[in-house]
Amino acid sequence: MKPQSLDMITTLIGFDTVSRNSNLELIHHVRDYLAGHGVESHLVSNEEQTKANLFATVGPDVEGGIVLSGHTDVVPVDGQPWDTDPFTVVQKDGRLYGRGTCDMKAFSAIALAMVPDLIKKGLKRPIHFALSYDEEIGCFGAPSMIDRLLTDIAKPSAVIVGEPTSMRPIVAHKGIAALRTTVIGHEAHSSQVQRGVSAVMTAAKLIAFIDGMMAENKAATDPACRFEPPYTTLHVGVVHGGTALNIISRECTFTWDIRSLPGDDWRRYLERFQAYADSLLPAMRAIAPAASISTEILADAPPLQDRGGVAQDLVFGLCGHTHGDVVPYAAEAGQFQERGFSVVLCGPGSIDQAHQPNEYIDVSQVTACEHFLEKLTDQLAS
């Protein structure tokens, strides 16, 4: 592992960019770092001006460059039993510990640390850095940056998204839709259930229906499917409802996600869910005419489909692989592909360590990523 890689990893981990926070301090640091090497950055902010994407080009403004994409946000550490400060890199036993070391600041840090060498090499085709915000909560940041990449830079030949893949090429990932359902019932004393409409009990029926749809998918699994698990999953992660044991609950809200296989339209599950919800309303409204069930879409990130292409050929060659793998999580790769880019995932670290207390990346993975990017830039300089 090169000292400059460690320094940059340490610096980026030091910024607390949990998704609920601003990422501007990190973005401004990267902008100033690049400016110090004569590289101009372009920021694409959210509406509130509290977060920003950054893209920048090292090398000539010509077609055929490579986009290195990574998200700057990390997941929370709240309630996790960390042994060290999550936002201070600790090197121990061949590992670097810290929130984001694996998912996924190390990839961007290693690439950024190479900027002085990239400039010295005299690239004939460019490297485009693309750093986004709010990937962890729904891939919200990348689309506005992708819009700008389509208009503001010479057409790249490939996009490499540096998610933690243990430096294996990943050619497909699942999509994700995040939803929030709110049930409004009618309060009454719990001894008089005939006078109330329990939002919590209704939500329980809806949650059971969601689980039933996933059970159907599991039972109908295609043995040839390469994903693990090999079916579209539906999961309820948070439930809030009720005020007291002896009050029939007026309101209950739950958030859920659908992680869809490529080619499986997640909206068909929402349509079935909505039809079931509608079937519950007549009995609810017979007691409380204002009773309701509503669902809003919080996020919708498409899957990455295995379509071959320049990105796969490039990364297969750099990694010495003849085929790629698939992963069940979602990333901005599907959004790039949807806009016409050739995309593959490949980055250091294992997803097994992502989102965990004492998150870490093996130093050997940092070194492997360094070698990978060196080989890539050698190609771009030849």
Protein backbone atom coordinates (compact mmCIF):
# COMPACT_ATOMS: atom_id res chain seq x y z
CA MET A 1 0.00 0.00 0.00
CA LYS A 2 1.39 3.35 -1.02
CA PRO A 3 1.69 6.09 1.64
CA GLN A 4 -0.31 8.51 -0.51
CA SER A 5 -3.18 6.01 -0.72
CA LEU A 6 -3.25 5.63 3.05
CA ASP A 7 -3.12 9.40 3.51
CA MET A 8 -6.07 9.97 1.19
CA ILE A 9 -8.10 7.12 2.70
CA THR A 10 -7.45 8.56 6.15
CA THR A 11 -8.51 12.01 5.00
CA LEU A 12 -11.77 10.93 3.37
CA ILE A 13 -12.76 8.67 6.27
CA GLY A 14 -12.24 11.66 8.57
CA PHE A 15 -15.25 13.44 7.07
CA ASP A 16 -18.49 12.33 8.74
CA THR A 17 -20.60 11.95 5.61
CA VAL A 18 -23.36 9.80 7.05
CA SER A 19 -26.23 10.31 4.62
CA ARG A 20 -28.22 12.49 7.01
CA ASN A 21 -25.30 14.97 7.03
CA SER A 22 -23.88 17.28 4.39
CA ASN A 23 -20.99 15.98 2.30
CA LEU A 24 -19.80 19.44 1.28
CA GLU A 25 -16.72 19.48 3.49
CA LEU A 26 -15.42 16.36 1.75
CA ILE A 27 -16.40 17.62 -1.69
CA HIS A 28 -14.70 20.97 -1.14
CA HIS A 29 -11.57 19.22 0.08
CA VAL A 30 -11.45 17.09 -3.09
CA ARG A 31 -12.10 20.17 -5.24
CA ASP A 32 -9.24 22.04 -3.58
CA TYR A 33 -6.92 19.03 -3.82
CA LEU A 34 -7.58 18.69 -7.54
CA ALA A 35 -7.22 22.42 -8.07
CA GLY A 36 -3.80 22.19 -6.45
CA HIS A 37 -2.83 19.92 -9.33
CA GLY A 38 -4.39 22.15 -11.96
CA VAL A 39 -7.55 20.05 -12.37
CA GLU A 40 -10.90 21.84 -12.54
CA SER A 41 -13.87 20.33 -10.71
CA HIS A 42 -17.57 20.77 -11.40
CA LEU A 43 -20.12 20.57 -8.59
CA VAL A 44 -23.75 19.53 -9.05
CA SER A 45 -25.70 20.45 -5.92
CA ASN A 46 -29.00 19.29 -4.52
CA GLU A 47 -31.89 21.75 -4.35
CA GLU A 48 -31.11 22.70 -0.76
CA GLN A 49 -27.44 23.35 -1.58
CA THR A 50 -26.47 21.12 1.35
CA LYS A 51 -24.90 18.32 -0.70
CA ALA A 52 -23.10 18.05 -4.00
CA ASN A 53 -21.79 15.66 -6.59
CA LEU A 54 -18.37 16.35 -8.08
CA PHE A 55 -16.97 15.44 -11.46
CA ALA A 56 -13.56 16.29 -12.86
CA THR A 57 -11.38 15.24 -15.78
CA VAL A 58 -7.67 14.43 -15.69
CA GLY A 59 -6.17 14.30 -19.15
CA PRO A 60 -7.28 15.55 -22.57
CA ASP A 61 -10.91 16.35 -23.37
CA VAL A 62 -11.29 13.55 -25.89
CA GLU A 63 -13.60 10.57 -26.29
CA GLY A 64 -12.71 7.13 -24.99
CA GLY A 65 -11.97 8.03 -21.38
CA ILE A 66 -12.95 6.06 -18.30
CA VAL A 67 -15.30 7.26 -15.56
CA LEU A 68 -14.39 6.20 -12.02
CA SER A 69 -17.58 6.50 -9.98
CA GLY A 70 -17.98 6.35 -6.23
CA HIS A 71 -20.41 7.60 -3.60
CA THR A 72 -19.24 9.85 -0.77
CA ASP A 73 -21.93 9.03 1.80
CA VAL A 74 -21.74 6.28 4.39
CA VAL A 75 -24.29 4.52 6.60
CA PRO A 76 -24.79 5.50 10.27
CA VAL A 77 -22.79 4.12 13.17
CA ASP A 78 -25.54 4.74 15.74
CA GLY A 79 -25.94 1.88 18.19
CA GLN A 80 -23.08 -0.16 16.72
CA PRO A 81 -20.41 -1.47 19.12
CA TRP A 82 -17.29 0.03 17.53
CA ASP A 83 -13.95 -0.63 19.20
CA THR A 84 -12.42 2.52 17.71
CA ASP A 85 -13.51 5.94 16.46
CA PRO A 86 -15.41 5.13 13.23
CA PHE A 87 -14.14 8.30 11.55
CA THR A 88 -10.47 7.76 12.35
CA VAL A 89 -8.58 5.15 10.33
CA VAL A 90 -6.89 2.54 12.50
CA GLN A 91 -4.38 0.18 10.85
CA LYS A 92 -4.09 -3.17 12.60
CA ASP A 93 -3.30 -6.75 11.58
CA GLY A 94 -3.26 -5.99 7.88
CA ARG A 95 -6.53 -4.11 7.92
CA LEU A 96 -7.75 -0.50 7.85
CA TYR A 97 -10.69 0.07 10.17
CA GLY A 98 -13.17 2.93 9.82
CA ARG A 99 -16.61 3.76 8.49
CA GLY A 100 -16.36 3.83 4.71
CA THR A 101 -13.04 2.06 4.39
CA CYS A 102 -14.84 -0.74 2.59
CA ASP A 103 -18.04 0.96 1.41
CA MET A 104 -16.66 2.79 -0.44
CA LYS A 105 -14.29 5.67 0.15
CA ALA A 106 -11.15 3.60 -0.35
CA PHE A 107 -11.73 3.25 -4.10
CA SER A 108 -12.13 6.98 -4.64
CA ALA A 109 -9.22 7.74 -2.30
CA ILE A 110 -6.82 5.39 -4.11
CA ALA A 111 -7.77 6.91 -7.46
CA LEU A 112 -7.46 10.49 -6.19
CA ALA A 113 -4.07 9.73 -4.67
CA MET A 114 -2.86 8.81 -8.15
CA VAL A 115 -3.63 12.22 -9.68
CA PRO A 116 -0.01 13.49 -9.59
CA ASP A 117 1.12 10.30 -11.35
CA LEU A 118 -1.71 10.57 -13.88
CA ILE A 119 -0.58 14.06 -14.80
CA LYS A 120 3.04 12.94 -15.16
CA LYS A 121 2.05 10.01 -17.38
CA GLY A 122 0.51 12.31 -19.95
CA LEU A 123 -2.74 10.44 -20.55
CA LYS A 124 -3.89 10.22 -24.16
CA ARG A 125 -7.41 9.39 -23.00
CA PRO A 126 -8.84 10.87 -19.80
CA ILE A 127 -9.84 9.64 -16.38
CA HIS A 128 -13.12 11.20 -15.23
CA PHE A 129 -13.79 11.28 -11.50
CA ALA A 130 -17.48 11.10 -10.54
CA LEU A 131 -18.31 11.38 -6.83
CA SER A 132 -21.95 11.31 -5.78
CA TYR A 133 -24.08 11.86 -2.68
CA ASP A 134 -26.96 9.91 -1.10
CA GLU A 135 -26.29 6.56 -2.73
CA GLU A 136 -26.92 4.76 0.54
CA ILE A 137 -30.48 6.05 0.85
CA GLY A 138 -31.66 5.51 -2.70
CA CYS A 139 -29.04 6.59 -5.26
CA PHE A 140 -30.48 10.10 -5.24
CA GLY A 141 -27.38 12.08 -6.15
CA ALA A 142 -26.00 10.33 -9.22
CA PRO A 143 -28.79 11.10 -11.77
CA SER A 144 -28.17 14.86 -11.83
CA MET A 145 -24.44 14.26 -12.23
CA ILE A 146 -25.02 11.75 -15.01
CA ASP A 147 -27.06 14.39 -16.81
CA ARG A 148 -24.06 16.70 -16.71
CA LEU A 149 -21.61 14.02 -17.78
CA LEU A 150 -23.70 13.45 -20.89
CA THR A 151 -23.39 17.09 -21.90
CA ASP A 152 -20.17 18.37 -20.35
CA ILE A 153 -17.48 15.78 -21.10
CA ALA A 154 -16.31 13.97 -24.21
CA LYS A 155 -18.06 10.61 -24.49
CA PRO A 156 -16.37 8.02 -22.23
CA SER A 157 -15.98 4.43 -23.35
CA ALA A 158 -16.73 2.90 -19.95
CA VAL A 159 -17.76 3.52 -16.35
CA ILE A 160 -16.22 1.64 -13.43
CA VAL A 161 -18.22 1.87 -10.21
CA GLY A 162 -15.88 1.08 -7.34
CA GLU A 163 -18.25 -0.72 -4.98
CA PRO A 164 -16.60 -3.35 -2.75
CA THR A 165 -16.39 -6.42 -4.99
CA SER A 166 -13.06 -7.85 -3.76
CA MET A 167 -11.67 -6.57 -7.10
CA ARG A 168 -13.88 -8.98 -9.03
CA PRO A 169 -15.80 -7.65 -12.05
CA ILE A 170 -19.54 -7.48 -11.36
CA VAL A 171 -21.73 -7.42 -14.45
CA ALA A 172 -25.22 -7.25 -12.92
CA HIS A 173 -26.90 -6.09 -9.73
CA LYS A 174 -30.46 -5.96 -8.46
CA GLY A 175 -32.57 -2.81 -8.50
CA ILE A 176 -34.18 -1.27 -5.45
CA ALA A 177 -37.48 0.48 -4.86
CA ALA A 178 -38.09 1.99 -1.41
CA LEU A 179 -41.66 2.63 -0.30
CA ARG A 180 -43.56 3.95 2.69
CA THR A 181 -47.10 2.87 3.49
CA THR A 182 -49.33 4.78 5.90
CA VAL A 183 -52.50 3.29 7.37
CA ILE A 184 -55.07 5.61 8.95
CA GLY A 185 -57.65 3.87 11.16
CA HIS A 186 -59.93 5.05 13.94
CA GLU A 187 -59.19 5.26 17.66
CA ALA A 188 -61.37 3.64 20.30
CA HIS A 189 -60.99 1.87 23.64
CA SER A 190 -59.36 -1.51 23.06
CA SER A 191 -62.24 -3.21 24.86
CA GLN A 192 -64.56 -1.97 22.09
CA VAL A 193 -62.90 -3.30 19.00
CA GLN A 194 -66.16 -3.05 17.06
CA ARG A 195 -66.00 0.77 17.30
CA GLY A 196 -62.42 1.19 16.08
CA VAL A 197 -60.23 0.45 13.08
CA SER A 198 -56.77 -0.67 14.12
CA ALA A 199 -54.08 0.81 11.90
CA VAL A 200 -51.51 -1.53 13.45
CA MET A 201 -53.56 -4.66 12.84
CA THR A 202 -54.27 -3.56 9.27
CA ALA A 203 -50.58 -2.87 8.72
CA ALA A 204 -49.83 -6.37 10.01
CA LYS A 205 -52.08 -7.84 7.31
CA LEU A 206 -50.33 -5.75 4.68
CA ILE A 207 -46.90 -6.77 5.92
CA ALA A 208 -47.94 -10.42 5.86
CA PHE A 209 -49.10 -9.92 2.26
CA ILE A 210 -45.68 -8.50 1.34
CA ASP A 211 -43.99 -11.47 2.94
CA GLY A 212 -46.33 -13.78 1.05
CA MET A 213 -45.32 -12.28 -2.29
CA MET A 214 -41.67 -12.94 -1.47
CA ALA A 215 -42.51 -16.51 -0.43
CA GLU A 216 -44.07 -17.01 -3.86
CA ASN A 217 -40.88 -15.76 -5.51
CA LYS A 218 -38.76 -18.06 -3.39
CA ALA A 219 -40.92 -21.06 -4.27
CA ALA A 220 -40.65 -20.23 -7.98
CA THR A 221 -36.86 -19.76 -8.00
CA ASP A 222 -35.13 -20.35 -11.31
CA PRO A 223 -32.27 -22.83 -10.65
CA ALA A 224 -30.22 -21.05 -13.31
CA CYS A 225 -30.43 -17.68 -11.57
CA ARG A 226 -26.96 -16.47 -10.53
CA PHE A 227 -28.09 -14.12 -7.77
CA GLU A 228 -28.05 -14.96 -4.08
CA PRO A 229 -30.82 -15.03 -3.05
CA PRO A 230 -31.99 -16.03 -6.55
CA TYR A 231 -35.31 -14.17 -6.52
CA THR A 232 -36.77 -10.69 -6.10
CA THR A 233 -36.98 -9.93 -2.39
CA LEU A 234 -39.49 -7.81 -0.46
CA HIS A 235 -38.66 -6.64 3.04
CA VAL A 236 -40.23 -4.40 5.69
CA GLY A 237 -37.52 -2.66 7.67
CA VAL A 238 -39.26 -0.13 9.96
CA VAL A 239 -42.72 -0.02 11.57
CA HIS A 240 -44.17 2.82 13.68
CA GLY A 241 -47.69 2.74 15.03
CA GLY A 242 -50.01 3.10 18.00
CA THR A 243 -49.87 5.17 21.17
CA ALA A 244 -50.89 2.86 24.01
CA LEU A 245 -51.77 -0.74 24.75
CA ASN A 246 -55.42 0.04 25.45
CA ILE A 247 -56.03 2.40 22.50
CA ILE A 248 -56.98 1.02 19.11
CA SER A 249 -54.33 2.60 16.93
CA ARG A 250 -55.24 5.41 14.55
CA GLU A 251 -52.02 5.46 12.52
CA CYS A 252 -49.29 3.04 11.49
CA THR A 253 -46.49 3.61 9.01
CA PHE A 254 -44.01 1.12 7.65
CA THR A 255 -41.17 1.36 5.15
CA TRP A 256 -40.29 -1.48 2.82
CA ASP A 257 -38.15 -2.26 -0.15
CA ILE A 258 -38.29 -4.38 -3.27
CA ARG A 259 -34.94 -5.61 -4.57
CA SER A 260 -35.75 -6.76 -8.06
CA LEU A 261 -33.90 -9.10 -10.36
CA PRO A 262 -32.91 -7.59 -13.71
CA GLY A 263 -35.91 -8.02 -15.97
CA ASP A 264 -38.45 -8.21 -13.11
CA ASP A 265 -40.54 -5.04 -12.94
CA TRP A 266 -40.93 -4.14 -9.26
CA ARG A 267 -44.10 -2.15 -9.99
CA ARG A 268 -46.06 -5.35 -10.48
CA TYR A 269 -45.61 -6.08 -6.78
CA LEU A 270 -46.79 -2.60 -5.86
CA GLU A 271 -49.86 -3.09 -8.06
CA ARG A 272 -50.71 -6.37 -6.31
CA PHE A 273 -50.11 -4.76 -2.93
CA GLN A 274 -52.35 -1.83 -3.79
CA ALA A 275 -55.12 -4.15 -4.98
CA TYR A 276 -54.96 -6.02 -1.67
CA ALA A 277 -54.97 -2.75 0.28
CA ASP A 278 -58.03 -1.60 -1.66
CA SER A 279 -59.81 -4.84 -0.74
CA LEU A 280 -59.40 -4.00 2.96
CA LEU A 281 -60.87 -0.50 2.71
CA PRO A 282 -64.62 -1.29 2.53
CA ALA A 283 -64.63 -2.99 5.95
CA MET A 284 -62.47 -0.22 7.42
CA ARG A 285 -64.65 2.55 6.05
CA ALA A 286 -67.86 0.89 7.20
CA ILE A 287 -66.70 1.87 10.70
CA ALA A 288 -64.57 4.95 9.89
CA PRO A 289 -65.30 6.63 6.54
CA ALA A 290 -62.00 8.54 6.72
CA ALA A 291 -59.89 5.39 7.00
CA SER A 292 -57.21 5.10 4.35
CA ILE A 293 -54.14 3.24 3.09
CA SER A 294 -51.59 5.17 1.05
CA THR A 295 -48.17 4.28 -0.33
CA GLU A 296 -45.46 6.63 -1.58
CA ILE A 297 -42.36 5.77 -3.56
CA LEU A 298 -39.24 7.00 -1.78
CA ALA A 299 -36.60 5.73 -4.20
CA ASP A 300 -36.32 3.84 -7.46
CA ALA A 301 -32.88 2.72 -8.67
CA PRO A 302 -32.81 0.37 -11.66
CA PRO A 303 -30.87 -2.89 -11.82
CA LEU A 304 -27.65 -3.33 -13.78
CA GLN A 305 -28.20 -5.82 -16.58
CA ASP A 306 -25.52 -8.09 -18.03
CA ARG A 307 -25.25 -6.73 -21.56
CA GLY A 308 -21.56 -7.28 -22.27
CA GLY A 309 -19.80 -4.29 -23.77
CA VAL A 310 -16.65 -2.24 -23.54
CA ALA A 311 -16.62 -1.88 -19.75
CA GLN A 312 -16.76 -5.63 -19.20
CA ASP A 313 -14.09 -6.36 -21.77
CA LEU A 314 -11.83 -3.71 -20.25
CA VAL A 315 -12.17 -4.86 -16.65
CA PHE A 316 -12.00 -8.56 -17.51
CA GLY A 317 -8.66 -7.88 -19.16
CA LEU A 318 -7.33 -5.79 -16.28
CA CYS A 319 -8.40 -8.38 -13.69
CA GLY A 320 -7.48 -11.45 -15.71
CA HIS A 321 -11.06 -12.76 -15.60
CA THR A 322 -13.06 -14.39 -18.37
CA HIS A 323 -16.49 -13.76 -16.84
CA GLY A 324 -18.19 -11.57 -14.27
CA ASP A 325 -20.25 -12.15 -11.16
CA VAL A 326 -23.56 -10.69 -9.95
CA VAL A 327 -24.52 -9.08 -6.61
CA PRO A 328 -27.86 -8.62 -4.81
CA TYR A 329 -27.31 -5.03 -3.69
CA ALA A 330 -28.07 -1.93 -5.74
CA ALA A 331 -25.72 0.82 -6.90
CA GLU A 332 -25.64 3.75 -9.31
CA ALA A 333 -24.36 1.43 -12.06
CA GLY A 334 -27.91 0.76 -13.24
CA GLN A 335 -28.52 4.50 -13.51
CA PHE A 336 -25.43 4.92 -15.69
CA GLN A 337 -26.50 2.00 -17.88
CA GLU A 338 -30.00 3.38 -18.23
CA ARG A 339 -28.49 6.54 -19.75
CA GLY A 340 -26.45 4.62 -22.30
CA PHE A 341 -23.09 4.09 -20.57
CA SER A 342 -21.21 0.79 -20.62
CA VAL A 343 -20.78 -0.06 -16.94
CA VAL A 344 -19.19 -2.60 -14.63
CA LEU A 345 -18.64 -2.73 -10.87
CA CYS A 346 -15.14 -3.40 -9.56
CA GLY A 347 -13.59 -2.13 -6.36
CA PRO A 348 -11.59 -3.06 -3.27
CA GLY A 349 -13.01 -4.61 -0.12
CA SER A 350 -15.73 -7.15 0.59
CA ILE A 351 -19.41 -6.32 0.88
CA ASP A 352 -19.41 -8.67 3.87
CA GLN A 353 -17.75 -5.91 5.90
CA ALA A 354 -20.02 -3.11 4.66
CA HIS A 355 -22.45 -1.48 7.12
CA GLN A 356 -20.92 -3.44 10.02
CA PRO A 357 -19.42 -2.19 13.29
CA ASN A 358 -15.62 -2.18 12.98
CA GLU A 359 -15.91 -1.98 9.20
CA TYR A 360 -12.56 -2.64 7.56
CA ILE A 361 -10.71 -3.19 4.33
CA ASP A 362 -7.75 -5.51 3.95
CA VAL A 363 -4.54 -3.71 3.03
CA SER A 364 -4.05 -6.37 0.36
CA GLN A 365 -7.25 -5.11 -1.30
CA VAL A 366 -5.90 -1.56 -1.33
CA THR A 367 -2.75 -2.81 -3.02
CA ALA A 368 -4.76 -4.82 -5.54
CA CYS A 369 -6.79 -1.72 -6.42
CA GLU A 370 -3.59 0.31 -6.83
CA HIS A 371 -2.25 -2.25 -9.31
CA PHE A 372 -5.58 -2.36 -11.15
CA LEU A 373 -5.71 1.42 -11.58
CA GLU A 374 -2.05 1.55 -12.59
CA LYS A 375 -2.73 -0.95 -15.37
CA LEU A 376 -5.78 1.05 -16.43
CA THR A 377 -3.88 4.31 -16.62
CA ASP A 378 -1.03 2.68 -18.50
CA GLN A 379 -3.57 1.73 -21.15
CA LEU A 380 -4.94 5.26 -21.26
CA ALA A 381 -1.42 6.66 -21.65
CA SER A 382 -0.40 4.31 -24.47
